[in-house]
């Protein structure tokens, strides 16, 4: 999976299509990511030691990694990414359109 925490992505499919946000968490085993302010779900919680007051809590749900694309600030679009290998063996990612490193 080519996504990392703090990457800016744009949702390209589903009911949240067109929204942008930062990745909060990557779940590689499930092939999913949690994106900031995207795909809110409601959880009904009981009162406990951790949360004294129960109720309905809204939080971000996961979204499948195939439904998001990395966002290039220079192109101002969702873009594909190329993996580049440096002479010293270090890897980096670059926008496939403009070549900007991400």
PDB file of N, CA and C in Angstrom:
ATOM      1  N   UNK A   1       0.848  -1.177   0.000  1.00  0.00           N
ATOM      2  CA  UNK A   1       0.000   0.000   0.000  1.00  0.00           C
ATOM      3  C   UNK A   1       0.898   1.247   0.000  1.00  0.00           C
ATOM      4  N   UNK A   2       0.568   2.203  -0.856  1.00  0.00           N
ATOM      5  CA  UNK A   2       1.412   3.383  -1.023  1.00  0.00           C
ATOM      6  C   UNK A   2       1.024   4.547  -0.125  1.00  0.00           C
ATOM      7  N   UNK A   3       0.194   4.330   0.864  1.00  0.00           N
ATOM      8  CA  UNK A   3      -0.269   5.430   1.705  1.00  0.00           C
ATOM      9  C   UNK A   3       0.418   5.399   3.057  1.00  0.00           C
ATOM     10  N   UNK A   4       0.662   6.598   3.584  1.00  0.00           N
ATOM     11  CA  UNK A   4       1.277   6.744   4.905  1.00  0.00           C
ATOM     12  C   UNK A   4       0.457   7.722   5.715  1.00  0.00           C
ATOM     13  N   UNK A   5       0.640   7.666   7.023  1.00  0.00           N
ATOM     14  CA  UNK A   5      -0.040   8.601   7.915  1.00  0.00           C
ATOM     15  C   UNK A   5       0.415  10.018   7.554  1.00  0.00           C
ATOM     16  N   UNK A   6      -0.489  10.957   7.593  1.00  0.00           N
ATOM     17  CA  UNK A   6      -0.295  12.380   7.285  1.00  0.00           C
ATOM     18  C   UNK A   6      -0.254  12.695   5.797  1.00  0.00           C
ATOM     19  N   UNK A   7      -0.446  11.698   4.906  1.00  0.00           N
ATOM     20  CA  UNK A   7      -0.584  11.987   3.480  1.00  0.00           C
ATOM     21  C   UNK A   7      -1.920  12.661   3.248  1.00  0.00           C
ATOM     22  N   UNK A   8      -1.962  13.603   2.318  1.00  0.00           N
ATOM     23  CA  UNK A   8      -3.232  14.219   1.926  1.00  0.00           C
ATOM     24  C   UNK A   8      -3.780  13.414   0.762  1.00  0.00           C
ATOM     25  N   UNK A   9      -5.036  12.996   0.882  1.00  0.00           N
ATOM     26  CA  UNK A   9      -5.670  12.187  -0.159  1.00  0.00           C
ATOM     27  C   UNK A   9      -7.013  12.784  -0.539  1.00  0.00           C
ATOM     28  N   UNK A  10      -7.504  12.372  -1.705  1.00  0.00           N
ATOM     29  CA  UNK A  10      -8.836  12.757  -2.157  1.00  0.00           C
ATOM     30  C   UNK A  10      -9.626  11.477  -2.405  1.00  0.00           C
ATOM     31  N   UNK A  11     -10.882  11.478  -1.979  1.00  0.00           N
ATOM     32  CA  UNK A  11     -11.748  10.318  -2.177  1.00  0.00           C
ATOM     33  C   UNK A  11     -12.232  10.351  -3.617  1.00  0.00           C
ATOM     34  N   UNK A  12     -12.072   9.227  -4.348  1.00  0.00           N
ATOM     35  CA  UNK A  12     -12.419   9.199  -5.766  1.00  0.00           C
ATOM     36  C   UNK A  12     -13.654   8.357  -6.061  1.00  0.00           C
ATOM     37  N   UNK A  13     -14.218   7.693  -5.042  1.00  0.00           N
ATOM     38  CA  UNK A  13     -15.388   6.854  -5.267  1.00  0.00           C
ATOM     39  C   UNK A  13     -16.239   6.789  -4.008  1.00  0.00           C
ATOM     40  N   UNK A  14     -17.511   6.528  -4.183  1.00  0.00           N
ATOM     41  CA  UNK A  14     -18.416   6.383  -3.053  1.00  0.00           C
ATOM     42  C   UNK A  14     -19.155   7.667  -2.737  1.00  0.00           C
ATOM     43  N   UNK A  15     -19.905   7.660  -1.656  1.00  0.00           N
ATOM     44  CA  UNK A  15     -20.743   8.816  -1.318  1.00  0.00           C
ATOM     45  C   UNK A  15     -19.926  10.009  -0.832  1.00  0.00           C
ATOM     46  N   UNK A  16     -18.674   9.787  -0.445  1.00  0.00           N
ATOM     47  CA  UNK A  16     -17.798  10.868   0.025  1.00  0.00           C
ATOM     48  C   UNK A  16     -16.905  11.401  -1.096  1.00  0.00           C
ATOM     49  N   UNK A  17     -17.213  11.058  -2.352  1.00  0.00           N
ATOM     50  CA  UNK A  17     -16.387  11.413  -3.501  1.00  0.00           C
ATOM     51  C   UNK A  17     -16.127  12.917  -3.562  1.00  0.00           C
ATOM     52  N   UNK A  18     -14.860  13.278  -3.791  1.00  0.00           N
ATOM     53  CA  UNK A  18     -14.487  14.680  -3.917  1.00  0.00           C
ATOM     54  C   UNK A  18     -13.939  15.295  -2.646  1.00  0.00           C
ATOM     55  N   UNK A  19     -14.134  14.649  -1.505  1.00  0.00           N
ATOM     56  CA  UNK A  19     -13.632  15.196  -0.242  1.00  0.00           C
ATOM     57  C   UNK A  19     -12.142  14.920  -0.098  1.00  0.00           C
ATOM     58  N   UNK A  20     -11.465  15.847   0.567  1.00  0.00           N
ATOM     59  CA  UNK A  20     -10.034  15.709   0.819  1.00  0.00           C
ATOM     60  C   UNK A  20      -9.773  15.682   2.311  1.00  0.00           C
ATOM     61  N   UNK A  21      -8.694  15.023   2.703  1.00  0.00           N
ATOM     62  CA  UNK A  21      -8.317  14.986   4.107  1.00  0.00           C
ATOM     63  C   UNK A  21      -6.989  14.283   4.297  1.00  0.00           C
ATOM     64  N   UNK A  22      -6.472  14.385   5.519  1.00  0.00           N
ATOM     65  CA  UNK A  22      -5.227  13.715   5.872  1.00  0.00           C
ATOM     66  C   UNK A  22      -5.523  12.316   6.377  1.00  0.00           C
ATOM     67  N   UNK A  23      -4.607  11.399   6.125  1.00  0.00           N
ATOM     68  CA  UNK A  23      -4.758  10.033   6.622  1.00  0.00           C
ATOM     69  C   UNK A  23      -4.381  10.017   8.096  1.00  0.00           C
ATOM     70  N   UNK A  24      -5.286   9.513   8.924  1.00  0.00           N
ATOM     71  CA  UNK A  24      -5.050   9.408  10.359  1.00  0.00           C
ATOM     72  C   UNK A  24      -4.449   8.057  10.728  1.00  0.00           C
ATOM     73  N   UNK A  25      -4.883   7.010  10.003  1.00  0.00           N
ATOM     74  CA  UNK A  25      -4.435   5.659  10.333  1.00  0.00           C
ATOM     75  C   UNK A  25      -4.480   4.799   9.072  1.00  0.00           C
ATOM     76  N   UNK A  26      -3.503   3.916   8.927  1.00  0.00           N
ATOM     77  CA  UNK A  26      -3.449   2.985   7.804  1.00  0.00           C
ATOM     78  C   UNK A  26      -3.627   1.582   8.351  1.00  0.00           C
ATOM     79  N   UNK A  27      -4.547   0.824   7.749  1.00  0.00           N
ATOM     80  CA  UNK A  27      -4.814  -0.557   8.168  1.00  0.00           C
ATOM     81  C   UNK A  27      -4.425  -1.489   7.019  1.00  0.00           C
ATOM     82  N   UNK A  28      -3.132  -1.830   6.878  1.00  0.00           N
ATOM     83  CA  UNK A  28      -2.694  -2.601   5.717  1.00  0.00           C
ATOM     84  C   UNK A  28      -3.259  -4.013   5.649  1.00  0.00           C
ATOM     85  N   UNK A  29      -3.539  -4.631   6.766  1.00  0.00           N
ATOM     86  CA  UNK A  29      -4.078  -5.998   6.762  1.00  0.00           C
ATOM     87  C   UNK A  29      -5.465  -6.042   6.119  1.00  0.00           C
ATOM     88  N   UNK A  30      -6.251  -4.981   6.312  1.00  0.00           N
ATOM     89  CA  UNK A  30      -7.587  -4.914   5.721  1.00  0.00           C
ATOM     90  C   UNK A  30      -7.597  -4.142   4.400  1.00  0.00           C
ATOM     91  N   UNK A  31      -6.502  -3.476   4.069  1.00  0.00           N
ATOM     92  CA  UNK A  31      -6.447  -2.681   2.848  1.00  0.00           C
ATOM     93  C   UNK A  31      -7.285  -1.417   2.959  1.00  0.00           C
ATOM     94  N   UNK A  32      -7.338  -0.823   4.160  1.00  0.00           N
ATOM     95  CA  UNK A  32      -8.192   0.331   4.402  1.00  0.00           C
ATOM     96  C   UNK A  32      -7.394   1.458   5.052  1.00  0.00           C
ATOM     97  N   UNK A  33      -7.946   2.669   4.963  1.00  0.00           N
ATOM     98  CA  UNK A  33      -7.349   3.835   5.607  1.00  0.00           C
ATOM     99  C   UNK A  33      -8.450   4.621   6.309  1.00  0.00           C
ATOM    100  N   UNK A  34      -8.064   5.368   7.332  1.00  0.00           N
ATOM    101  CA  UNK A  34      -8.990   6.262   8.016  1.00  0.00           C
ATOM    102  C   UNK A  34      -8.561   7.672   7.675  1.00  0.00           C
ATOM    103  N   UNK A  35      -9.483   8.439   7.058  1.00  0.00           N
ATOM    104  CA  UNK A  35      -9.190   9.776   6.571  1.00  0.00           C
ATOM    105  C   UNK A  35      -9.917  10.791   7.445  1.00  0.00           C
ATOM    106  N   UNK A  36      -9.222  11.872   7.769  1.00  0.00           N
ATOM    107  CA  UNK A  36      -9.754  12.931   8.625  1.00  0.00           C
ATOM    108  C   UNK A  36     -10.989  13.580   7.985  1.00  0.00           C
ATOM    109  N   UNK A  37     -12.081  13.677   8.749  1.00  0.00           N
ATOM    110  CA  UNK A  37     -13.329  14.326   8.354  1.00  0.00           C
ATOM    111  C   UNK A  37     -14.013  13.681   7.152  1.00  0.00           C
ATOM    112  N   UNK A  38     -13.809  12.368   6.964  1.00  0.00           N
ATOM    113  CA  UNK A  38     -14.437  11.632   5.873  1.00  0.00           C
ATOM    114  C   UNK A  38     -15.053  10.360   6.434  1.00  0.00           C
ATOM    115  N   UNK A  39     -16.240   9.995   5.959  1.00  0.00           N
ATOM    116  CA  UNK A  39     -16.926   8.755   6.322  1.00  0.00           C
ATOM    117  C   UNK A  39     -17.226   8.672   7.823  1.00  0.00           C
ATOM    118  N   UNK A  40     -17.962   9.649   8.323  1.00  0.00           N
ATOM    119  CA  UNK A  40     -18.330   9.642   9.738  1.00  0.00           C
ATOM    120  C   UNK A  40     -19.340   8.539  10.018  1.00  0.00           C
ATOM    121  N   UNK A  41     -19.131   7.815  11.118  1.00  0.00           N
ATOM    122  CA  UNK A  41     -20.053   6.778  11.573  1.00  0.00           C
ATOM    123  C   UNK A  41     -20.458   7.095  13.010  1.00  0.00           C
ATOM    124  N   UNK A  42     -21.616   6.608  13.401  1.00  0.00           N
ATOM    125  CA  UNK A  42     -22.097   6.851  14.762  1.00  0.00           C
ATOM    126  C   UNK A  42     -21.968   5.576  15.575  1.00  0.00           C
ATOM    127  N   UNK A  43     -21.410   5.711  16.765  1.00  0.00           N
ATOM    128  CA  UNK A  43     -21.254   4.592  17.684  1.00  0.00           C
ATOM    129  C   UNK A  43     -22.062   4.870  18.935  1.00  0.00           C
ATOM    130  N   UNK A  44     -22.884   3.903  19.334  1.00  0.00           N
ATOM    131  CA  UNK A  44     -23.663   4.035  20.559  1.00  0.00           C
ATOM    132  C   UNK A  44     -22.843   3.438  21.684  1.00  0.00           C
ATOM    133  N   UNK A  45     -22.450   4.270  22.657  1.00  0.00           N
ATOM    134  CA  UNK A  45     -21.566   3.821  23.719  1.00  0.00           C
ATOM    135  C   UNK A  45     -22.270   3.840  25.064  1.00  0.00           C
ATOM    136  N   UNK A  46     -21.898   2.867  25.891  1.00  0.00           N
ATOM    137  CA  UNK A  46     -22.414   2.810  27.253  1.00  0.00           C
ATOM    138  C   UNK A  46     -21.474   3.590  28.160  1.00  0.00           C
ATOM    139  N   UNK A  47     -21.959   4.111  29.256  1.00  0.00           N
ATOM    140  CA  UNK A  47     -21.062   4.773  30.211  1.00  0.00           C
ATOM    141  C   UNK A  47     -20.040   3.770  30.758  1.00  0.00           C
ATOM    142  N   UNK A  48     -18.792   4.215  30.899  1.00  0.00           N
ATOM    143  CA  UNK A  48     -17.733   3.353  31.419  1.00  0.00           C
ATOM    144  C   UNK A  48     -16.725   4.206  32.173  1.00  0.00           C
ATOM    145  N   UNK A  49     -15.660   3.577  32.660  1.00  0.00           N
ATOM    146  CA  UNK A  49     -14.624   4.319  33.370  1.00  0.00           C
ATOM    147  C   UNK A  49     -13.963   5.338  32.439  1.00  0.00           C
ATOM    148  N   UNK A  50     -13.775   4.937  31.193  1.00  0.00           N
ATOM    149  CA  UNK A  50     -13.109   5.809  30.230  1.00  0.00           C
ATOM    150  C   UNK A  50     -13.989   6.994  29.855  1.00  0.00           C
ATOM    151  N   UNK A  51     -15.239   6.720  29.488  1.00  0.00           N
ATOM    152  CA  UNK A  51     -16.171   7.808  29.149  1.00  0.00           C
ATOM    153  C   UNK A  51     -17.331   7.752  30.137  1.00  0.00           C
ATOM    154  N   UNK A  52     -17.350   8.708  31.042  1.00  0.00           N
ATOM    155  CA  UNK A  52     -18.366   8.722  32.112  1.00  0.00           C
ATOM    156  C   UNK A  52     -19.778   8.796  31.553  1.00  0.00           C
ATOM    157  N   UNK A  53     -19.924   9.563  30.478  1.00  0.00           N
ATOM    158  CA  UNK A  53     -21.258   9.738  29.914  1.00  0.00           C
ATOM    159  C   UNK A  53     -21.371   8.926  28.629  1.00  0.00           C
ATOM    160  N   UNK A  54     -22.389   8.117  28.544  1.00  0.00           N
ATOM    161  CA  UNK A  54     -22.630   7.349  27.335  1.00  0.00           C
ATOM    162  C   UNK A  54     -23.333   8.216  26.310  1.00  0.00           C
ATOM    163  N   UNK A  55     -23.669   7.640  25.193  1.00  0.00           N
ATOM    164  CA  UNK A  55     -24.390   8.389  24.176  1.00  0.00           C
ATOM    165  C   UNK A  55     -23.923   8.005  22.787  1.00  0.00           C
ATOM    166  N   UNK A  56     -24.272   8.845  21.842  1.00  0.00           N
ATOM    167  CA  UNK A  56     -23.915   8.597  20.456  1.00  0.00           C
ATOM    168  C   UNK A  56     -22.660   9.405  20.128  1.00  0.00           C
ATOM    169  N   UNK A  57     -21.611   8.696  19.717  1.00  0.00           N
ATOM    170  CA  UNK A  57     -20.329   9.326  19.411  1.00  0.00           C
ATOM    171  C   UNK A  57     -20.091   9.223  17.906  1.00  0.00           C
ATOM    172  N   UNK A  58     -19.759  10.342  17.275  1.00  0.00           N
ATOM    173  CA  UNK A  58     -19.423  10.334  15.853  1.00  0.00           C
ATOM    174  C   UNK A  58     -17.909  10.293  15.696  1.00  0.00           C
ATOM    175  N   UNK A  59     -17.434   9.398  14.822  1.00  0.00           N
ATOM    176  CA  UNK A  59     -15.998   9.317  14.552  1.00  0.00           C
ATOM    177  C   UNK A  59     -15.802   8.863  13.113  1.00  0.00           C
ATOM    178  N   UNK A  60     -14.556   8.997  12.627  1.00  0.00           N
ATOM    179  CA  UNK A  60     -14.260   8.607  11.257  1.00  0.00           C
ATOM    180  C   UNK A  60     -14.223   7.092  11.138  1.00  0.00           C
ATOM    181  N   UNK A  61     -14.854   6.579  10.096  1.00  0.00           N
ATOM    182  CA  UNK A  61     -14.793   5.162   9.795  1.00  0.00           C
ATOM    183  C   UNK A  61     -13.743   4.922   8.730  1.00  0.00           C
ATOM    184  N   UNK A  62     -13.394   3.662   8.524  1.00  0.00           N
ATOM    185  CA  UNK A  62     -12.366   3.354   7.526  1.00  0.00           C
ATOM    186  C   UNK A  62     -12.980   3.366   6.127  1.00  0.00           C
ATOM    187  N   UNK A  63     -12.132   3.578   5.153  1.00  0.00           N
ATOM    188  CA  UNK A  63     -12.535   3.584   3.749  1.00  0.00           C
ATOM    189  C   UNK A  63     -11.516   2.747   2.988  1.00  0.00           C
ATOM    190  N   UNK A  64     -11.950   2.019   1.971  1.00  0.00           N
ATOM    191  CA  UNK A  64     -11.041   1.139   1.255  1.00  0.00           C
ATOM    192  C   UNK A  64      -9.982   1.956   0.533  1.00  0.00           C
ATOM    193  N   UNK A  65      -8.754   1.460   0.548  1.00  0.00           N
ATOM    194  CA  UNK A  65      -7.620   2.188  -0.020  1.00  0.00           C
ATOM    195  C   UNK A  65      -7.773   2.430  -1.518  1.00  0.00           C
ATOM    196  N   UNK A  66      -8.527   1.581  -2.211  1.00  0.00           N
ATOM    197  CA  UNK A  66      -8.713   1.775  -3.648  1.00  0.00           C
ATOM    198  C   UNK A  66      -9.633   2.952  -3.956  1.00  0.00           C
ATOM    199  N   UNK A  67     -10.323   3.460  -2.951  1.00  0.00           N
ATOM    200  CA  UNK A  67     -11.239   4.586  -3.148  1.00  0.00           C
ATOM    201  C   UNK A  67     -10.604   5.937  -2.865  1.00  0.00           C
ATOM    202  N   UNK A  68      -9.300   5.963  -2.609  1.00  0.00           N
ATOM    203  CA  UNK A  68      -8.609   7.236  -2.381  1.00  0.00           C
ATOM    204  C   UNK A  68      -7.375   7.314  -3.280  1.00  0.00           C
ATOM    205  N   UNK A  69      -6.975   8.561  -3.604  1.00  0.00           N
ATOM    206  CA  UNK A  69      -5.758   8.812  -4.366  1.00  0.00           C
ATOM    207  C   UNK A  69      -4.986   9.921  -3.673  1.00  0.00           C
ATOM    208  N   UNK A  70      -3.663   9.856  -3.765  1.00  0.00           N
ATOM    209  CA  UNK A  70      -2.841  10.915  -3.201  1.00  0.00           C
ATOM    210  C   UNK A  70      -3.127  12.229  -3.916  1.00  0.00           C
ATOM    211  N   UNK A  71      -3.057  13.318  -3.164  1.00  0.00           N
ATOM    212  CA  UNK A  71      -3.360  14.641  -3.685  1.00  0.00           C
ATOM    213  C   UNK A  71      -2.063  15.423  -3.854  1.00  0.00           C
ATOM    214  N   UNK A  72      -1.844  15.970  -5.058  1.00  0.00           N
ATOM    215  CA  UNK A  72      -0.652  16.768  -5.349  1.00  0.00           C
ATOM    216  C   UNK A  72      -1.013  18.243  -5.212  1.00  0.00           C
ATOM    217  N   UNK A  73      -0.303  18.954  -4.352  1.00  0.00           N
ATOM    218  CA  UNK A  73      -0.592  20.374  -4.142  1.00  0.00           C
ATOM    219  C   UNK A  73      -0.216  21.209  -5.355  1.00  0.00           C
ATOM    220  N   UNK A  74       0.823  20.802  -6.066  1.00  0.00           N
ATOM    221  CA  UNK A  74       1.268  21.559  -7.238  1.00  0.00           C
ATOM    222  C   UNK A  74       0.268  21.440  -8.390  1.00  0.00           C
ATOM    223  N   UNK A  75      -0.207  20.215  -8.654  1.00  0.00           N
ATOM    224  CA  UNK A  75      -1.195  19.984  -9.726  1.00  0.00           C
ATOM    225  C   UNK A  75      -2.603  20.357  -9.278  1.00  0.00           C
ATOM    226  N   UNK A  76      -2.812  20.379  -7.972  1.00  0.00           N
ATOM    227  CA  UNK A  76      -4.136  20.616  -7.368  1.00  0.00           C
ATOM    228  C   UNK A  76      -5.145  19.560  -7.818  1.00  0.00           C
ATOM    229  N   UNK A  77      -4.681  18.307  -7.909  1.00  0.00           N
ATOM    230  CA  UNK A  77      -5.511  17.187  -8.333  1.00  0.00           C
ATOM    231  C   UNK A  77      -5.105  15.917  -7.589  1.00  0.00           C
ATOM    232  N   UNK A  78      -5.991  14.930  -7.653  1.00  0.00           N
ATOM    233  CA  UNK A  78      -5.633  13.590  -7.186  1.00  0.00           C
ATOM    234  C   UNK A  78      -4.810  12.943  -8.292  1.00  0.00           C
ATOM    235  N   UNK A  79      -3.656  12.379  -7.940  1.00  0.00           N
ATOM    236  CA  UNK A  79      -2.731  11.878  -8.957  1.00  0.00           C
ATOM    237  C   UNK A  79      -2.206  10.489  -8.611  1.00  0.00           C
ATOM    238  N   UNK A  80      -1.712   9.812  -9.651  1.00  0.00           N
ATOM    239  CA  UNK A  80      -0.989   8.575  -9.438  1.00  0.00           C
ATOM    240  C   UNK A  80       0.426   8.918  -9.004  1.00  0.00           C
ATOM    241  N   UNK A  81       1.102   7.958  -8.405  1.00  0.00           N
ATOM    242  CA  UNK A  81       2.420   8.207  -7.841  1.00  0.00           C
ATOM    243  C   UNK A  81       3.419   7.231  -8.428  1.00  0.00           C
ATOM    244  N   UNK A  82       4.617   7.738  -8.700  1.00  0.00           N
ATOM    245  CA  UNK A  82       5.714   6.884  -9.144  1.00  0.00           C
ATOM    246  C   UNK A  82       6.668   6.681  -7.969  1.00  0.00           C
ATOM    247  N   UNK A  83       7.172   5.472  -7.838  1.00  0.00           N
ATOM    248  CA  UNK A  83       8.176   5.177  -6.822  1.00  0.00           C
ATOM    249  C   UNK A  83       9.546   5.308  -7.463  1.00  0.00           C
ATOM    250  N   UNK A  84      10.369   6.209  -6.933  1.00  0.00           N
ATOM    251  CA  UNK A  84      11.699   6.450  -7.464  1.00  0.00           C
ATOM    252  C   UNK A  84      12.749   5.868  -6.525  1.00  0.00           C
ATOM    253  N   UNK A  85      13.833   5.391  -7.099  1.00  0.00           N
ATOM    254  CA  UNK A  85      14.917   4.840  -6.316  1.00  0.00           C
ATOM    255  C   UNK A  85      16.152   5.692  -6.562  1.00  0.00           C
ATOM    256  N   UNK A  86      16.732   6.236  -5.504  1.00  0.00           N
ATOM    257  CA  UNK A  86      17.918   7.078  -5.627  1.00  0.00           C
ATOM    258  C   UNK A  86      19.176   6.250  -5.838  1.00  0.00           C
ATOM    259  N   UNK A  87      20.263   6.917  -6.173  1.00  0.00           N
ATOM    260  CA  UNK A  87      21.542   6.237  -6.404  1.00  0.00           C
ATOM    261  C   UNK A  87      22.047   5.553  -5.133  1.00  0.00           C
ATOM    262  N   UNK A  88      21.732   6.152  -3.966  1.00  0.00           N
ATOM    263  CA  UNK A  88      22.163   5.570  -2.696  1.00  0.00           C
ATOM    264  C   UNK A  88      21.188   4.522  -2.166  1.00  0.00           C
ATOM    265  N   UNK A  89      20.140   4.221  -2.933  1.00  0.00           N
ATOM    266  CA  UNK A  89      19.208   3.167  -2.546  1.00  0.00           C
ATOM    267  C   UNK A  89      17.984   3.640  -1.791  1.00  0.00           C
ATOM    268  N   UNK A  90      17.892   4.932  -1.517  1.00  0.00           N
ATOM    269  CA  UNK A  90      16.717   5.434  -0.806  1.00  0.00           C
ATOM    270  C   UNK A  90      15.548   5.582  -1.769  1.00  0.00           C
ATOM    271  N   UNK A  91      14.369   5.343  -1.278  1.00  0.00           N
ATOM    272  CA  UNK A  91      13.183   5.440  -2.105  1.00  0.00           C
ATOM    273  C   UNK A  91      12.409   6.716  -1.828  1.00  0.00           C
ATOM    274  N   UNK A  92      11.712   7.195  -2.833  1.00  0.00           N
ATOM    275  CA  UNK A  92      10.848   8.361  -2.664  1.00  0.00           C
ATOM    276  C   UNK A  92       9.680   8.237  -3.633  1.00  0.00           C
ATOM    277  N   UNK A  93       8.648   9.026  -3.385  1.00  0.00           N
ATOM    278  CA  UNK A  93       7.466   9.019  -4.237  1.00  0.00           C
ATOM    279  C   UNK A  93       7.372  10.350  -4.966  1.00  0.00           C
ATOM    280  N   UNK A  94       6.934  10.284  -6.220  1.00  0.00           N
ATOM    281  CA  UNK A  94       6.800  11.510  -7.011  1.00  0.00           C
ATOM    282  C   UNK A  94       5.481  11.474  -7.762  1.00  0.00           C
ATOM    283  N   UNK A  95       4.915  12.649  -7.969  1.00  0.00           N
ATOM    284  CA  UNK A  95       3.686  12.800  -8.747  1.00  0.00           C
ATOM    285  C   UNK A  95       3.957  12.337 -10.174  1.00  0.00           C
ATOM    286  N   UNK A  96       3.053  11.543 -10.742  1.00  0.00           N
ATOM    287  CA  UNK A  96       3.239  11.034 -12.098  1.00  0.00           C
ATOM    288  C   UNK A  96       3.018  12.129 -13.137  1.00  0.00           C
ATOM    289  N   UNK A  97       2.311  13.206 -12.783  1.00  0.00           N
ATOM    290  CA  UNK A  97       2.041  14.287 -13.725  1.00  0.00           C
ATOM    291  C   UNK A  97       3.185  15.304 -13.783  1.00  0.00           C
ATOM    292  N   UNK A  98       3.572  15.837 -12.635  1.00  0.00           N
ATOM    293  CA  UNK A  98       4.527  16.951 -12.608  1.00  0.00           C
ATOM    294  C   UNK A  98       5.902  16.572 -12.074  1.00  0.00           C
ATOM    295  N   UNK A  99       6.021  15.422 -11.424  1.00  0.00           N
ATOM    296  CA  UNK A  99       7.310  14.995 -10.895  1.00  0.00           C
ATOM    297  C   UNK A  99       7.612  15.519  -9.490  1.00  0.00           C
ATOM    298  N   UNK A 100       6.682  16.271  -8.901  1.00  0.00           N
ATOM    299  CA  UNK A 100       6.864  16.809  -7.555  1.00  0.00           C
ATOM    300  C   UNK A 100       6.984  15.671  -6.553  1.00  0.00           C
ATOM    301  N   UNK A 101       7.987  15.725  -5.673  1.00  0.00           N
ATOM    302  CA  UNK A 101       8.170  14.700  -4.644  1.00  0.00           C
ATOM    303  C   UNK A 101       7.115  14.856  -3.565  1.00  0.00           C
ATOM    304  N   UNK A 102       6.557  13.745  -3.101  1.00  0.00           N
ATOM    305  CA  UNK A 102       5.554  13.786  -2.036  1.00  0.00           C
ATOM    306  C   UNK A 102       6.100  13.212  -0.763  1.00  0.00           C
TER     307      UNK A 102
END
